[in-house]
Amino acid sequence: MAQAVLVAESKLTDRFQTTVPSLVRQALHLGKKDTIKYTIQENGDVLMSRAVSTDEDPILESFLSFLANDMQHNGKLQLLTANMCLSVENLVQDVEIDIDTSLLEEDE
């Protein structure tokens, strides 16, 4: 059975942004804030798919990888000295954090 081929186009703005056509959003079941995955083939074709979300924190994963690599090459971790702790405290003493406040849309 032949598969139907659907075609959709969108235009790039001056800032290289585009709107994902509704046909594509529907086909990929995309919603607001979803992530799109682009796979570039050897022949130059690009496959677009819905990225599978994970509960893992990429920043934390990168930091843990950094620590593991550092421990493997240097063999030890050092505790912060009292002076280092004092320096950090001085740097953040006027910073107010409310973890219950929602992020601004541009910060998400």
Protein backbone atom coordinates (compact mmCIF):
# COMPACT_ATOMS: atom_id res chain seq x y z
CA MET A 1 0.00 0.00 0.00
CA ALA A 2 1.46 3.38 -1.02
CA GLN A 3 1.92 5.92 1.74
CA ALA A 4 0.53 9.41 1.20
CA VAL A 5 3.13 12.15 1.05
CA LEU A 6 2.24 15.47 2.59
CA VAL A 7 4.25 18.61 1.95
CA ALA A 8 4.44 21.73 4.10
CA GLU A 9 6.62 24.82 3.84
CA SER A 10 7.59 27.66 6.14
CA LYS A 11 9.71 30.75 5.67
CA LEU A 12 12.71 31.86 7.76
CA THR A 13 12.61 35.28 9.36
CA ASP A 14 15.57 37.65 9.47
CA ARG A 15 16.51 36.00 12.79
CA PHE A 16 16.40 32.49 11.23
CA GLN A 17 13.18 31.60 13.05
CA THR A 18 10.15 29.92 11.54
CA THR A 19 6.67 28.78 12.44
CA VAL A 20 6.18 25.03 12.36
CA PRO A 21 3.20 24.49 10.04
CA SER A 22 0.09 23.08 11.74
CA LEU A 23 0.22 20.00 9.50
CA VAL A 24 3.68 19.18 10.89
CA ARG A 25 2.70 20.03 14.48
CA GLN A 26 -0.27 17.67 14.21
CA ALA A 27 1.75 14.88 12.59
CA LEU A 28 4.42 15.08 15.32
CA HIS A 29 1.89 15.72 18.13
CA LEU A 30 3.77 18.89 19.11
CA GLY A 31 2.55 21.26 21.76
CA LYS A 32 3.87 24.52 23.18
CA LYS A 33 7.35 24.22 24.71
CA ASP A 34 7.93 20.77 23.13
CA THR A 35 11.37 20.11 21.69
CA ILE A 36 12.03 19.26 18.06
CA LYS A 37 14.88 16.92 17.08
CA TYR A 38 16.69 17.38 13.74
CA THR A 39 18.64 14.45 12.28
CA ILE A 40 20.93 15.39 9.40
CA GLN A 41 21.45 12.52 6.96
CA GLU A 42 24.65 11.95 4.98
CA ASN A 43 22.91 13.03 1.75
CA GLY A 44 21.95 16.37 3.35
CA ASP A 45 18.30 15.53 4.01
CA VAL A 46 17.04 16.54 7.43
CA LEU A 47 14.56 14.46 9.38
CA MET A 48 12.44 16.34 11.87
CA SER A 49 10.87 14.49 14.78
CA ARG A 50 9.49 15.14 18.23
CA ALA A 51 12.27 14.87 20.79
CA VAL A 52 11.64 12.37 23.54
CA SER A 53 11.69 14.18 26.84
CA THR A 54 13.63 12.75 29.72
CA ASP A 55 13.46 13.54 33.38
CA GLU A 56 17.24 13.87 33.49
CA ASP A 57 18.80 17.26 34.02
CA PRO A 58 21.37 17.84 31.24
CA ILE A 59 23.25 20.41 33.36
CA LEU A 60 23.53 18.01 36.27
CA GLU A 61 24.55 15.16 33.96
CA SER A 62 27.28 17.33 32.41
CA PHE A 63 28.53 18.41 35.84
CA LEU A 64 28.64 14.83 37.12
CA SER A 65 30.53 13.76 33.99
CA PHE A 66 32.97 16.61 34.57
CA LEU A 67 33.49 15.50 38.18
CA ALA A 68 33.97 11.86 37.18
CA ASN A 69 36.51 12.84 34.53
CA ASP A 70 38.36 15.13 36.95
CA MET A 71 38.46 12.44 39.62
CA GLN A 72 39.77 9.90 37.11
CA HIS A 73 42.59 12.20 35.94
CA ASN A 74 43.45 13.94 39.20
CA GLY A 75 42.49 11.25 41.67
CA LYS A 76 41.10 13.42 44.41
CA LEU A 77 38.60 16.06 45.40
CA GLN A 78 39.47 18.92 47.72
CA LEU A 79 37.23 20.50 50.29
CA LEU A 80 36.58 24.21 50.05
CA THR A 81 38.71 26.19 52.42
CA ALA A 82 37.15 28.59 54.93
CA ASN A 83 38.36 31.51 52.78
CA MET A 84 36.71 30.03 49.68
CA CYS A 85 33.41 29.59 51.55
CA LEU A 86 33.60 33.18 52.77
CA SER A 87 34.22 34.41 49.22
CA VAL A 88 31.17 32.52 47.95
CA GLU A 89 29.03 33.88 50.78
CA ASN A 90 30.15 37.43 49.95
CA LEU A 91 29.33 36.94 46.27
CA VAL A 92 25.75 35.83 46.93
CA GLN A 93 24.87 37.79 50.07
CA ASP A 94 22.57 40.23 48.23
CA VAL A 95 21.01 37.64 45.90
CA GLU A 96 17.39 36.88 46.68
CA ILE A 97 15.92 33.61 45.46
CA ASP A 98 12.28 32.56 45.59
CA ILE A 99 12.01 29.01 44.24
CA ASP A 100 8.22 29.33 44.10
CA THR A 101 8.28 32.23 41.61
CA SER A 102 7.57 31.25 38.02
CA LEU A 103 10.23 31.95 35.42
CA LEU A 104 9.60 34.61 32.82
CA GLU A 105 8.67 33.10 29.45
CA GLU A 106 11.99 34.17 27.88
CA ASP A 107 13.92 32.43 30.72
CA GLU A 108 12.28 29.03 30.27
